[in-house]
Protein backbone atom coordinates (compact mmCIF):
# COMPACT_ATOMS: atom_id res chain seq x y z
CA MET A 1 16.99 -9.01 4.05
CA LEU A 2 15.35 -8.66 7.46
CA VAL A 3 11.90 -8.21 5.90
CA VAL A 4 12.33 -11.38 3.83
CA LEU A 5 13.52 -13.20 6.97
CA GLY A 6 10.45 -12.06 8.91
CA HIS A 7 8.03 -13.19 6.20
CA ALA A 8 9.90 -16.50 5.71
CA LEU A 9 9.69 -17.20 9.44
CA THR A 10 5.94 -16.50 9.39
CA VAL A 11 5.26 -18.99 6.59
CA CYS A 12 7.70 -21.63 7.88
CA SER A 13 6.49 -21.44 11.48
CA ASN A 14 2.95 -22.20 10.28
CA TYR A 15 4.15 -25.17 8.22
CA TYR A 16 6.61 -26.63 10.72
CA ASP A 17 4.48 -25.64 13.70
CA TYR A 18 7.31 -24.04 15.67
CA ASP A 19 7.14 -20.93 17.80
CA SER A 20 6.89 -17.75 15.77
CA GLY A 21 7.88 -15.42 18.60
CA PHE A 22 11.03 -14.37 16.76
CA PHE A 23 8.86 -12.85 14.03
CA LYS A 24 7.18 -10.67 16.66
CA ILE A 25 10.62 -9.47 17.78
CA CYS A 26 11.46 -8.74 14.12
CA SER A 27 8.26 -6.71 13.87
CA PHE A 28 9.57 -4.35 16.58
CA PHE A 29 12.15 -3.00 14.11
CA MET A 30 11.51 -4.56 10.68
CA ILE A 31 8.98 -2.07 9.28
CA PRO A 32 9.82 0.92 11.54
CA ILE A 33 13.45 0.96 10.37
CA PHE A 34 12.23 0.43 6.79
CA LEU A 35 10.03 3.53 7.04
CA ILE A 36 12.75 5.59 8.76
CA ILE A 37 15.13 4.81 5.88
CA THR A 38 12.35 5.56 3.38
CA GLY A 39 11.95 8.99 4.99
CA MET A 40 15.71 9.61 4.85
CA PHE A 41 15.96 8.86 1.13
CA SER A 42 12.72 10.70 0.43
CA ARG A 43 14.19 13.91 1.86
CA LYS A 44 17.28 13.56 -0.35
CA SER A 45 15.38 12.84 -3.56
CA LYS A 46 15.55 15.51 -6.27
CA LYS A 47 12.30 14.34 -7.87
CA LYS A 48 8.98 15.91 -6.94
CA PRO A 49 6.92 13.99 -4.35
CA ILE A 50 3.98 13.73 -6.78
CA THR A 51 6.28 12.18 -9.43
CA ARG A 52 7.58 9.57 -6.99
CA ALA A 53 4.08 8.88 -5.67
CA LYS A 54 2.74 8.30 -9.20
CA LYS A 55 5.60 5.95 -10.06
CA MET A 56 5.17 3.93 -6.87
CA PHE A 57 1.40 3.76 -7.31
CA ILE A 58 1.78 2.46 -10.88
CA ILE A 59 4.17 -0.25 -9.67
CA TYR A 60 1.72 -1.13 -6.88
CA ALA A 61 -1.35 -1.18 -9.16
CA PHE A 62 0.37 -3.38 -11.75
CA ALA A 63 1.68 -5.82 -9.13
CA GLN A 64 -1.65 -5.86 -7.24
CA ILE A 65 -3.65 -6.83 -10.34
CA ILE A 66 -1.20 -9.48 -11.59
CA ILE A 67 -0.63 -11.05 -8.17
CA SER A 68 -4.35 -10.99 -7.27
CA PHE A 69 -5.08 -12.83 -10.51
CA TYR A 70 -2.32 -15.36 -9.75
CA TYR A 71 -3.52 -15.97 -6.17
CA ALA A 72 -7.18 -16.26 -7.19
CA TYR A 73 -7.01 -18.32 -10.39
CA CYS A 74 -3.68 -20.20 -10.25
CA LEU A 75 -3.06 -20.90 -6.57
CA LYS A 76 -6.72 -20.42 -5.62
CA ILE A 77 -5.79 -19.17 -2.14
CA ILE A 78 -8.07 -16.13 -2.25
CA SER A 79 -11.56 -15.58 -3.56
CA PRO A 80 -11.76 -13.88 -7.00
CA SER A 81 -14.30 -11.52 -5.44
CA LYS A 82 -11.89 -10.34 -2.72
CA SER A 83 -11.57 -6.57 -2.80
CA ILE A 84 -8.85 -5.36 -5.14
CA PHE A 85 -8.43 -2.35 -2.85
CA ILE A 86 -6.89 -4.48 -0.05
CA PRO A 87 -3.13 -4.91 -0.72
CA ARG A 88 -1.93 -8.49 -1.18
CA PHE A 89 0.51 -9.72 1.48
CA THR A 90 3.64 -7.57 1.09
CA LEU A 91 2.32 -5.00 -1.41
CA TRP A 92 0.92 -2.62 1.22
CA TYR A 93 4.34 -0.98 1.60
CA LEU A 94 4.30 0.27 -1.99
CA LEU A 95 0.92 1.92 -1.54
CA THR A 96 1.89 3.32 1.86
CA SER A 97 5.08 4.78 0.35
CA ALA A 98 3.08 6.49 -2.41
CA GLU A 99 0.77 8.01 0.21
CA LEU A 100 3.66 9.10 2.44
CA TYR A 101 5.44 10.81 -0.44
CA LEU A 102 2.44 13.12 -0.74
CA VAL A 103 2.73 13.97 2.97
CA GLU A 104 6.06 15.63 2.13
CA TYR A 105 4.20 18.69 0.85
CA ILE A 106 2.98 19.24 4.42
CA LEU A 107 6.32 18.38 6.05
CA ARG A 108 8.18 20.93 3.93
CA ARG A 109 6.02 23.79 5.17
CA ASN A 110 6.08 23.07 8.90
CA SER A 111 8.58 22.70 11.74
CA TYR A 112 9.93 19.26 12.55
CA LYS A 113 8.90 19.47 16.24
CA LYS A 114 5.27 20.13 15.39
CA MET A 115 5.15 17.49 12.64
CA ILE A 116 6.75 14.71 14.71
CA LEU A 117 4.35 15.32 17.60
CA LEU A 118 1.35 15.56 15.26
CA SER A 119 2.31 12.36 13.43
CA ILE A 120 2.51 10.43 16.74
CA LEU A 121 -0.92 11.70 17.80
CA ILE A 122 -2.43 10.82 14.41
CA ALA A 123 -0.89 7.35 14.52
CA LEU A 124 -2.22 6.62 18.01
CA PHE A 125 -5.72 8.05 17.73
CA SER A 126 -6.49 7.02 14.14
CA GLY A 127 -7.16 3.53 15.52
CA PHE A 128 -10.32 4.86 17.16
CA ILE A 129 -11.79 5.93 13.81
CA PRO A 130 -14.05 3.08 12.60
CA PHE A 131 -13.85 3.85 8.86
CA VAL A 132 -10.03 3.81 8.87
CA THR A 133 -9.45 0.25 7.63
CA ASN A 134 -6.90 -1.74 5.66
CA LYS A 135 -8.40 -0.63 2.34
CA PHE A 136 -5.77 1.32 0.39
CA SER A 137 -3.42 0.48 3.31
CA ILE A 138 -4.72 3.52 5.22
CA THR A 139 -4.36 1.95 8.69
CA ARG A 140 -0.71 1.07 8.13
CA THR A 141 0.08 4.40 6.50
CA LEU A 142 -1.21 6.22 9.57
CA ALA A 143 0.25 3.72 12.06
CA PHE A 144 3.77 3.97 10.60
CA LEU A 145 3.58 7.69 9.81
CA PRO A 146 5.82 8.79 12.77
CA PHE A 147 8.72 6.64 11.57
CA PHE A 148 8.62 8.13 8.08
CA VAL A 149 8.45 11.65 9.57
CA ILE A 150 11.39 10.93 11.91
CA GLY A 151 13.43 9.65 8.95
CA TYR A 152 12.45 12.67 6.88
CA TYR A 153 13.65 15.07 9.58
CA GLN A 154 16.73 12.98 10.40
CA GLU A 155 19.12 15.85 9.66
CA ASN A 156 17.07 18.34 11.68
CA ILE A 157 16.95 16.20 14.80
CA LYS A 158 20.47 14.79 14.22
CA LEU A 159 19.05 11.30 14.63
CA LEU A 160 22.23 9.33 13.90
CA ASN A 161 24.29 11.44 16.29
CA ARG A 162 21.68 11.15 19.04
CA VAL A 163 21.45 7.34 18.88
CA LYS A 164 25.25 7.01 18.90
CA LYS A 165 25.42 9.13 22.03
CA TYR A 166 23.38 6.53 23.96
CA LYS A 167 24.68 3.41 22.23
CA LYS A 168 25.27 1.39 25.42
CA VAL A 169 21.85 2.38 26.79
CA PHE A 170 20.07 1.09 23.66
CA ILE A 171 22.06 -2.17 23.70
CA ALA A 172 21.07 -2.76 27.34
CA LEU A 173 17.41 -1.91 26.64
CA VAL A 174 17.25 -4.24 23.62
CA LEU A 175 18.71 -7.11 25.65
CA GLY A 176 16.28 -6.42 28.50
CA ILE A 177 13.19 -6.20 26.26
CA THR A 178 14.20 -9.32 24.30
CA ILE A 179 14.67 -11.39 27.46
CA TRP A 180 11.37 -10.11 28.89
CA PHE A 181 9.54 -10.85 25.64
CA LEU A 182 10.83 -14.43 25.45
CA PHE A 183 8.86 -15.10 28.65
CA HIS A 184 5.83 -13.02 27.62
CA GLN A 185 5.42 -13.77 23.93
CA HIS A 186 1.62 -13.71 24.06
CA PHE A 187 1.55 -10.16 25.38
CA PHE A 188 1.43 -8.88 21.78
CA LEU A 189 -0.94 -10.54 19.35
CA PHE A 190 -0.09 -10.71 15.67
CA LYS A 191 -2.85 -8.16 15.18
CA ASP A 192 -0.85 -5.77 17.34
CA THR A 193 2.39 -6.18 15.41
CA TYR A 194 0.81 -6.05 11.94
CA MET A 195 -0.76 -2.65 12.67
CA LYS A 196 -3.23 -3.11 9.82
CA TYR A 197 -6.36 -3.09 11.96
CA ASN A 198 -8.16 -0.34 13.83
CA TYR A 199 -8.79 -0.79 17.55
CA TYR A 200 -12.35 -2.03 16.98
CA ALA A 201 -10.98 -5.29 15.59
CA TYR A 202 -10.24 -6.13 19.24
CA ALA A 203 -12.48 -6.84 22.19
CA THR A 204 -10.95 -4.00 24.18
CA PRO A 205 -9.88 -1.02 22.02
CA MET A 206 -8.41 0.87 24.98
CA ILE A 207 -6.02 -1.96 25.83
CA CYS A 208 -4.96 -2.09 22.20
CA PHE A 209 -4.33 1.66 22.30
CA LEU A 210 -2.03 1.25 25.34
CA LYS A 211 -0.26 -1.70 23.73
CA ARG A 212 0.41 0.34 20.62
CA ILE A 213 2.10 3.02 22.73
CA LEU A 214 4.35 0.34 24.21
CA LEU A 215 4.95 -1.11 20.75
CA TYR A 216 6.12 2.30 19.50
CA ILE A 217 8.53 2.60 22.43
CA PHE A 218 9.95 -0.85 21.66
CA SER A 219 10.20 0.03 17.96
CA VAL A 220 12.14 3.23 18.66
CA ILE A 221 14.57 1.37 20.95
CA TYR A 222 15.19 -1.48 18.48
CA SER A 223 15.49 0.93 15.55
CA ALA A 224 18.02 3.05 17.46
CA PHE A 225 19.99 -0.12 18.22
CA LEU A 226 20.03 -1.06 14.52
CA LEU A 227 21.12 2.42 13.48
CA ASN A 228 24.03 2.07 15.92
CA ILE A 229 25.29 -1.22 14.50
CA MET A 230 24.62 -0.20 10.88
CA PRO A 231 27.90 -0.37 8.91
CA HIS A 232 29.31 2.87 7.49
CA LYS A 233 31.23 1.29 4.62
CA LYS A 234 30.37 -0.93 1.69
CA LEU A 235 30.18 -4.64 2.51
CA PHE A 236 29.53 -7.80 0.47
CA PHE A 237 25.74 -7.34 0.66
CA THR A 238 25.69 -3.57 -0.05
CA LYS A 239 25.13 -4.12 -3.79
CA ILE A 240 21.97 -6.11 -3.06
CA GLY A 241 20.38 -2.88 -1.81
CA GLU A 242 20.05 -1.74 -5.43
CA TYR A 243 17.74 -4.67 -6.13
CA SER A 244 15.57 -4.38 -3.02
CA LEU A 245 12.39 -3.43 -4.91
CA THR A 246 12.53 -6.61 -7.02
CA ILE A 247 13.23 -8.73 -3.94
CA TYR A 248 10.33 -7.10 -2.12
CA LEU A 249 7.89 -7.66 -5.00
CA VAL A 250 8.95 -11.24 -5.78
CA HIS A 251 9.61 -12.85 -2.39
CA GLY A 252 5.99 -12.66 -1.19
CA VAL A 253 4.74 -14.47 -4.30
CA LEU A 254 7.49 -17.08 -3.96
CA LEU A 255 6.60 -17.75 -0.32
CA LYS A 256 2.90 -18.17 -1.13
CA THR A 257 3.78 -20.51 -4.02
CA MET A 258 6.15 -22.60 -1.91
CA LYS A 259 3.52 -22.85 0.79
CA TYR A 260 0.82 -23.90 -1.70
CA PHE A 261 2.96 -26.65 -3.27
CA LYS A 262 4.48 -27.57 0.14
CA LEU A 263 8.07 -27.20 -1.07
CA PHE A 264 9.53 -27.72 2.39
CA LEU A 265 12.13 -30.16 3.69
CA ASP A 266 11.40 -32.34 6.72
CA ASN A 267 13.99 -30.63 8.93
CA ALA A 268 12.55 -27.35 10.25
CA PHE A 269 15.85 -25.47 10.67
CA ILE A 270 17.39 -26.48 7.35
CA GLY A 271 14.03 -26.10 5.61
CA THR A 272 13.55 -22.54 6.90
CA LEU A 273 17.13 -21.62 5.97
CA ILE A 274 16.73 -22.96 2.42
CA ILE A 275 13.38 -21.19 2.00
CA TYR A 276 14.99 -17.92 3.10
CA ILE A 277 18.10 -18.19 0.93
CA SER A 278 16.18 -19.44 -2.10
CA ASN A 279 13.74 -16.52 -1.89
CA ILE A 280 16.54 -13.96 -2.06
CA THR A 281 18.47 -15.93 -4.71
CA ILE A 282 15.49 -16.48 -7.02
CA SER A 283 14.42 -12.84 -6.60
CA LEU A 284 17.91 -11.69 -7.64
CA MET A 285 17.89 -14.08 -10.63
CA ILE A 286 14.54 -12.66 -11.77
CA HIS A 287 15.91 -9.13 -11.37
CA PHE A 288 18.90 -9.85 -13.60
CA ILE A 289 16.75 -11.63 -16.20
CA ILE A 290 14.41 -8.62 -16.39
CA LYS A 291 17.42 -6.28 -16.54
CA GLU A 292 18.96 -8.29 -19.38
CA ILE A 293 15.69 -8.30 -21.34
CA ARG A 294 15.36 -4.54 -20.90
CA MET A 295 18.94 -4.01 -22.08
CA LEU A 296 18.43 -6.18 -25.17
CA GLY A 297 15.15 -4.45 -25.97
CA GLY A 298 16.59 -1.00 -25.36
CA LYS A 299 19.62 -1.21 -27.69
CA ARG A 300 19.40 1.37 -30.45
CA ILE A 301 21.64 3.39 -32.73
CA ASP A 302 21.86 7.08 -31.97
CA TYR A 303 22.39 8.59 -35.37
CA LYS A 304 22.87 12.06 -33.92
CA CYS A 305 26.08 10.96 -32.22
CA VAL A 306 27.67 9.69 -35.48
CA LYS A 307 29.18 12.20 -37.90
CA LEU A 308 29.73 10.66 -41.32
CA SER A 309 30.27 11.91 -44.84
CA LYS A 310 27.36 11.64 -47.29
CA LYS A 311 28.91 8.58 -48.97
CA GLU A 312 29.66 6.89 -45.62
CA SER A 313 26.16 7.74 -44.38
CA ILE A 314 24.48 6.00 -47.35
CA SER A 315 26.73 2.95 -46.91
CA PHE A 316 26.04 2.86 -43.14
CA GLN A 317 22.25 3.06 -43.62
CA GLU A 318 22.33 0.23 -46.19
CA THR A 319 24.35 -1.93 -43.78
CA ALA A 320 22.01 -1.12 -40.88
């Protein structure tokens, strides 16, 4: 829900021409917490990492081809010749997840202290490697690697217990950083928060390197704050979590379509709110439609589960 909000604010701020600083604040925790949770669930999965990576890559490849075709030939917002290896809008996460699942084979064989430190060093210094680009989402995979690793080793480092211990400290830090950032919104460029570029996309790579260190510190603080206020019981929106993949796949396409056809109200606040709610609602509707189609197409009679006499069996087969 936070990811959809962040993307909706990006599109709406461009259309309504209002300040998009709140999106930058969202970027401090939006993807980091997403990757931490991905690491947590990845550790608990009973399926092999290679199996999960294959499945995620197939989903990504299918969505990438279909959506690229739609953007190029229907909306005409990208060139048909644009590299198919560069993920479209929100799809990078799927590819990054597939790549991170494969990293598990290394994480299983090494100590958490060594792997967390190594992942931070890789994330920071990979920006200085010129050939590490956004193709195949490599830059983002490496940039967000520490958060996945932290989530993966959550039980080893007792992450949830540690953040609860300093709950008041994290609340105070979040308030302080937020107030500071409201007066210094241009300190971080969108290039900084996206983390999909290497340092050579900037005029001063060293400054970008130092900014990324600060960005990681902010991300850890905001993520710890979120983990503290995270509910520990089922609420009205808990069920939506089961449909998060559909929402993630669909909402980016919906936003691009709404932007292309300018389906915005005149009032910026109400317009942004409606865009946000409609994206989640339509995504859920599409999910249930697909689910219903799959259920109708998947109905079959399991003859092995039915024990009938020879006479009843002939009658049953004729009726079927």
